Amino acid sequence: MAEHLDALLRKWPYDPQTLSVRRIRGGDGREVLQMRVDLGILQLETTGRPDGTRPGGCSTYYDYLLTRAMKQADSFLLDEEQCREVDREFVQFYHRRICWLRLQDYPRAAADAQHTLALMAFCREHSDDEQWVLSHEQYRPFVLLHRVQAEALYELEDGDGVDAAVAAIDQGLVEMQEFFDEYNASDRFDEDEIVVRLREFRESLQEQFDDGFKLRKELDAAIANEEYERAAELRDEIARLRGGAH
């Protein structure tokens, strides 16, 4: 029986211009994810740890570490081998997270991002290797961006709408601010690329879906241009919208 992947790779050529992801059924009928990469195909489980293993009988390595830490309380510190396993889990969840985002499965993308954020927090608490911790903490804003995008897009498409989506973005910005404050980088917050992207994302949602937001922008422009009659009309329209909201 042939064990090579030639046929699979020919049927699904690699495209460097896009992230190629698909859902398929495994041999036992379970759903799995596949990602086409330049050197082959990655296959990921959709639940638990992406490689399908159960470290110490737990669904993820993070869950396993939590049980160890609970037993040892404040004395628990990650050793070198555990740090290597943590690194593996970070990479696996990154791959699955971007798969979920590509497939627009936003709840699962948000859940995998939150798993990574929780694992980062655990490492910060239970490692005395500052450089190793920082090697992961530097990516916290990027993971937060993925989580916030997923939460906001879910709210927009299947949840409670634009207000809930904007609230998710605002909460993400609060967490970003806390991160910058913690590392004494508050002066760089407003110019940070990810902060700018989140704010632009929030504004674009409001402009597209929030009639009141559009009218307020028009009102500001009318006042700036001294178009007072138009400004009065816009104020009346905004007041009517507010009355209808009650």
Protein backbone atom coordinates (compact mmCIF):
# COMPACT_ATOMS: atom_id res chain seq x y z
CA MET A 1 0.00 0.00 0.00
CA ALA A 2 1.46 3.35 -1.09
CA GLU A 3 2.30 5.68 1.79
CA HIS A 4 3.40 8.72 -0.21
CA LEU A 5 1.26 11.85 -0.66
CA ASP A 6 1.85 12.44 -4.37
CA ALA A 7 -1.80 12.21 -5.43
CA LEU A 8 -3.02 14.44 -2.60
CA LEU A 9 -0.44 17.12 -3.35
CA ARG A 10 -1.19 17.09 -7.09
CA LYS A 11 -4.93 17.48 -6.48
CA TRP A 12 -4.38 20.36 -4.09
CA PRO A 13 -1.50 22.52 -5.37
CA TYR A 14 0.11 25.07 -3.10
CA ASP A 15 -0.81 28.71 -3.73
CA PRO A 16 1.57 31.17 -2.03
CA GLN A 17 -0.93 34.00 -2.54
CA THR A 18 -3.62 32.59 -0.27
CA LEU A 19 -4.17 30.55 2.87
CA SER A 20 -5.62 27.28 1.60
CA VAL A 21 -7.74 25.51 4.22
CA ARG A 22 -10.47 22.90 4.04
CA ARG A 23 -12.65 20.72 6.25
CA ILE A 24 -12.74 17.02 5.48
CA ARG A 25 -13.78 13.79 7.16
CA GLY A 26 -11.21 11.51 8.72
CA GLY A 27 -11.18 7.77 8.26
CA ASP A 28 -13.54 7.33 11.20
CA GLY A 29 -15.90 10.06 10.00
CA ARG A 30 -14.70 12.79 12.37
CA GLU A 31 -14.22 16.30 11.03
CA VAL A 32 -10.63 17.50 10.64
CA LEU A 33 -8.98 20.57 9.18
CA GLN A 34 -6.32 20.54 6.52
CA MET A 35 -4.00 23.39 5.58
CA ARG A 36 -1.95 23.34 2.38
CA VAL A 37 1.58 24.58 3.02
CA ASP A 38 4.52 24.77 0.66
CA LEU A 39 6.03 21.48 1.88
CA GLY A 40 2.85 19.45 2.15
CA ILE A 41 -0.42 19.32 4.08
CA LEU A 42 -1.04 19.90 7.78
CA GLN A 43 -3.95 18.04 9.35
CA LEU A 44 -5.44 19.36 12.58
CA GLU A 45 -8.09 18.04 14.93
CA THR A 46 -11.03 20.37 15.49
CA THR A 47 -11.37 19.77 19.23
CA GLY A 48 -8.89 19.56 22.06
CA ARG A 49 -5.25 19.82 21.09
CA PRO A 50 -4.77 20.22 17.32
CA ASP A 51 -2.39 17.24 17.06
CA GLY A 52 -4.97 14.97 18.70
CA THR A 53 -2.79 14.00 21.67
CA ARG A 54 -3.93 14.09 25.29
CA PRO A 55 -0.98 15.20 27.44
CA GLY A 56 -1.21 13.51 30.80
CA GLY A 57 -4.75 12.44 29.90
CA CYS A 58 -5.87 16.08 29.49
CA SER A 59 -7.40 17.69 26.41
CA THR A 60 -4.50 20.16 26.04
CA TYR A 61 -1.06 20.70 27.51
CA TYR A 62 -2.35 23.86 29.18
CA ASP A 63 -5.01 21.82 31.00
CA TYR A 64 -2.32 19.37 32.08
CA LEU A 65 -0.15 22.19 33.43
CA LEU A 66 -3.09 23.62 35.33
CA THR A 67 -3.55 20.32 37.16
CA ARG A 68 0.17 20.22 38.01
CA ALA A 69 0.17 23.80 39.23
CA MET A 70 -2.91 23.24 41.40
CA LYS A 71 -1.17 20.36 43.17
CA GLN A 72 2.06 22.30 43.79
CA ALA A 73 0.44 25.70 44.37
CA ASP A 74 2.85 28.64 44.43
CA SER A 75 5.94 26.44 44.16
CA PHE A 76 5.22 25.35 40.57
CA LEU A 77 7.70 26.57 37.95
CA LEU A 78 7.97 25.44 34.35
CA ASP A 79 11.10 23.45 33.54
CA GLU A 80 12.87 23.35 30.17
CA GLU A 81 10.98 20.35 28.84
CA GLN A 82 7.66 21.87 29.82
CA CYS A 83 8.62 25.12 28.12
CA ARG A 84 9.34 23.21 24.92
CA GLU A 85 5.92 21.55 25.11
CA VAL A 86 4.29 24.92 25.72
CA ASP A 87 6.02 26.24 22.59
CA ARG A 88 4.60 23.35 20.60
CA GLU A 89 1.10 24.09 21.83
CA PHE A 90 1.41 27.77 20.94
CA VAL A 91 2.35 26.85 17.37
CA GLN A 92 -0.42 24.27 17.01
CA PHE A 93 -3.11 26.64 18.24
CA TYR A 94 -1.80 29.40 15.97
CA HIS A 95 -2.20 27.16 12.93
CA ARG A 96 -5.71 26.13 13.91
CA ARG A 97 -6.72 29.68 14.79
CA ILE A 98 -5.84 31.02 11.35
CA CYS A 99 -7.67 28.06 9.80
CA TRP A 100 -10.85 28.97 11.69
CA LEU A 101 -10.50 32.62 10.66
CA ARG A 102 -10.03 31.62 7.02
CA LEU A 103 -13.12 29.42 7.22
CA GLN A 104 -15.04 32.21 9.02
CA ASP A 105 -15.78 29.95 11.98
CA TYR A 106 -15.54 32.84 14.38
CA PRO A 107 -16.56 31.22 17.69
CA ARG A 108 -13.87 28.55 17.30
CA ALA A 109 -11.28 31.12 16.24
CA ALA A 110 -12.08 33.22 19.32
CA ALA A 111 -11.91 30.17 21.59
CA ASP A 112 -8.49 29.15 20.25
CA ALA A 113 -7.20 32.70 20.62
CA GLN A 114 -8.43 32.82 24.21
CA HIS A 115 -6.70 29.51 24.90
CA THR A 116 -3.42 31.02 23.71
CA LEU A 117 -3.92 34.16 25.81
CA ALA A 118 -4.61 32.06 28.90
CA LEU A 119 -1.52 29.94 28.25
CA MET A 120 0.55 33.12 27.90
CA ALA A 121 -0.74 34.34 31.26
CA PHE A 122 0.09 30.97 32.83
CA CYS A 123 3.65 31.14 31.49
CA ARG A 124 4.11 34.63 32.83
CA GLU A 125 3.01 33.47 36.26
CA HIS A 126 4.94 30.19 36.39
CA SER A 127 8.24 30.85 34.64
CA ASP A 128 11.35 32.57 35.97
CA ASP A 129 12.84 32.85 32.47
CA GLU A 130 11.97 36.46 31.61
CA GLN A 131 13.31 36.29 28.06
CA TRP A 132 11.28 33.18 27.27
CA VAL A 133 8.13 34.79 28.67
CA LEU A 134 8.72 37.95 26.64
CA SER A 135 9.26 35.87 23.50
CA HIS A 136 5.57 34.99 23.78
CA GLU A 137 4.21 38.15 25.39
CA GLN A 138 5.35 40.20 22.39
CA TYR A 139 2.65 38.42 20.38
CA ARG A 140 -0.16 39.10 22.85
CA PRO A 141 -1.51 42.10 20.86
CA PHE A 142 -1.55 39.98 17.68
CA VAL A 143 -3.51 37.19 19.39
CA LEU A 144 -5.85 39.75 20.93
CA LEU A 145 -6.44 41.16 17.46
CA HIS A 146 -7.50 37.74 16.19
CA ARG A 147 -9.81 37.17 19.15
CA VAL A 148 -11.44 40.58 18.87
CA GLN A 149 -11.90 40.27 15.11
CA ALA A 150 -13.51 36.87 15.55
CA GLU A 151 -15.81 38.03 18.36
CA ALA A 152 -16.87 41.18 16.53
CA LEU A 153 -17.54 39.43 13.22
CA TYR A 154 -19.56 36.74 14.99
CA GLU A 155 -21.69 39.39 16.72
CA LEU A 156 -22.16 41.18 13.45
CA GLU A 157 -23.19 38.12 11.44
CA ASP A 158 -24.88 35.78 13.92
CA GLY A 159 -25.02 37.53 17.28
CA ASP A 160 -26.50 40.75 18.63
CA GLY A 161 -25.41 43.09 15.85
CA VAL A 162 -23.18 46.12 15.49
CA ASP A 163 -23.50 47.35 19.08
CA ALA A 164 -22.23 44.02 20.44
CA ALA A 165 -19.48 43.96 17.80
CA VAL A 166 -18.33 47.45 18.80
CA ALA A 167 -18.44 46.43 22.48
CA ALA A 168 -16.16 43.47 21.70
CA ILE A 169 -13.69 45.79 19.98
CA ASP A 170 -13.80 48.25 22.88
CA GLN A 171 -13.10 45.44 25.36
CA GLY A 172 -10.15 44.34 23.24
CA LEU A 173 -8.79 47.88 23.25
CA VAL A 174 -9.08 47.97 27.04
CA GLU A 175 -7.04 44.76 27.27
CA MET A 176 -4.51 46.20 24.83
CA GLN A 177 -4.18 49.33 26.96
CA GLU A 178 -3.60 47.18 30.04
CA PHE A 179 -0.87 45.28 28.20
CA PHE A 180 0.91 48.48 27.19
CA ASP A 181 0.59 49.88 30.71
CA GLU A 182 2.01 46.70 32.23
CA TYR A 183 5.13 46.94 30.10
CA ASN A 184 5.52 50.71 30.59
CA ALA A 185 4.79 51.42 26.94
CA SER A 186 1.66 53.58 27.30
CA ASP A 187 3.26 56.31 25.19
CA ARG A 188 3.28 53.96 22.19
CA PHE A 189 -0.32 52.78 22.54
CA ASP A 190 -2.07 55.22 20.20
CA GLU A 191 0.45 54.69 17.40
CA ASP A 192 0.60 50.92 17.66
CA GLU A 193 -0.34 49.28 14.36
CA ILE A 194 -2.76 46.80 15.93
CA VAL A 195 -4.48 49.49 18.01
CA VAL A 196 -4.89 51.58 14.87
CA ARG A 197 -6.33 48.58 13.01
CA LEU A 198 -8.84 47.88 15.78
CA ARG A 199 -9.97 51.49 15.88
CA GLU A 200 -10.33 51.58 12.10
CA PHE A 201 -12.27 48.31 12.26
CA ARG A 202 -14.63 49.79 14.87
CA GLU A 203 -15.17 52.95 12.86
CA SER A 204 -15.79 51.04 9.64
CA LEU A 205 -18.47 48.93 11.34
CA GLN A 206 -20.13 52.00 12.74
CA GLU A 207 -20.06 53.76 9.40
CA GLN A 208 -21.56 50.76 7.61
CA PHE A 209 -24.22 49.74 10.09
CA ASP A 210 -24.92 52.52 12.57
CA ASP A 211 -27.20 55.18 11.06
CA GLY A 212 -26.76 57.42 14.08
CA PHE A 213 -22.99 57.30 13.72
CA LYS A 214 -23.23 58.33 10.05
CA LEU A 215 -25.51 61.22 10.89
CA ARG A 216 -23.22 62.45 13.66
CA LYS A 217 -20.29 62.42 11.24
CA GLU A 218 -22.36 64.42 8.75
CA LEU A 219 -23.37 66.81 11.53
CA ASP A 220 -19.75 67.43 12.47
CA ALA A 221 -18.93 68.16 8.84
CA ALA A 222 -21.91 70.48 8.44
CA ILE A 223 -20.92 72.48 11.52
CA ALA A 224 -17.31 72.66 10.37
CA ASN A 225 -18.50 74.01 6.99
CA GLU A 226 -20.93 76.44 8.68
CA GLU A 227 -23.91 74.75 6.99
CA TYR A 228 -26.20 75.53 9.89
CA GLU A 229 -29.50 74.77 8.17
CA ARG A 230 -28.23 71.32 7.22
CA ALA A 231 -26.87 70.89 10.76
CA ALA A 232 -30.31 71.63 12.20
CA GLU A 233 -31.90 69.03 9.91
CA LEU A 234 -29.33 66.45 10.98
CA ARG A 235 -29.93 67.20 14.67
CA ASP A 236 -33.65 66.61 14.16
CA GLU A 237 -32.99 63.32 12.38
CA ILE A 238 -30.64 62.16 15.14
CA ALA A 239 -33.26 63.08 17.75
CA ARG A 240 -35.87 61.04 15.87
CA LEU A 241 -33.54 58.05 15.78
CA ARG A 242 -32.96 58.31 19.51
CA GLY A 243 -36.67 58.54 20.16
CA GLY A 244 -37.29 55.43 18.09
CA ALA A 245 -34.60 53.58 20.03
CA HIS A 246 -36.53 54.06 23.27
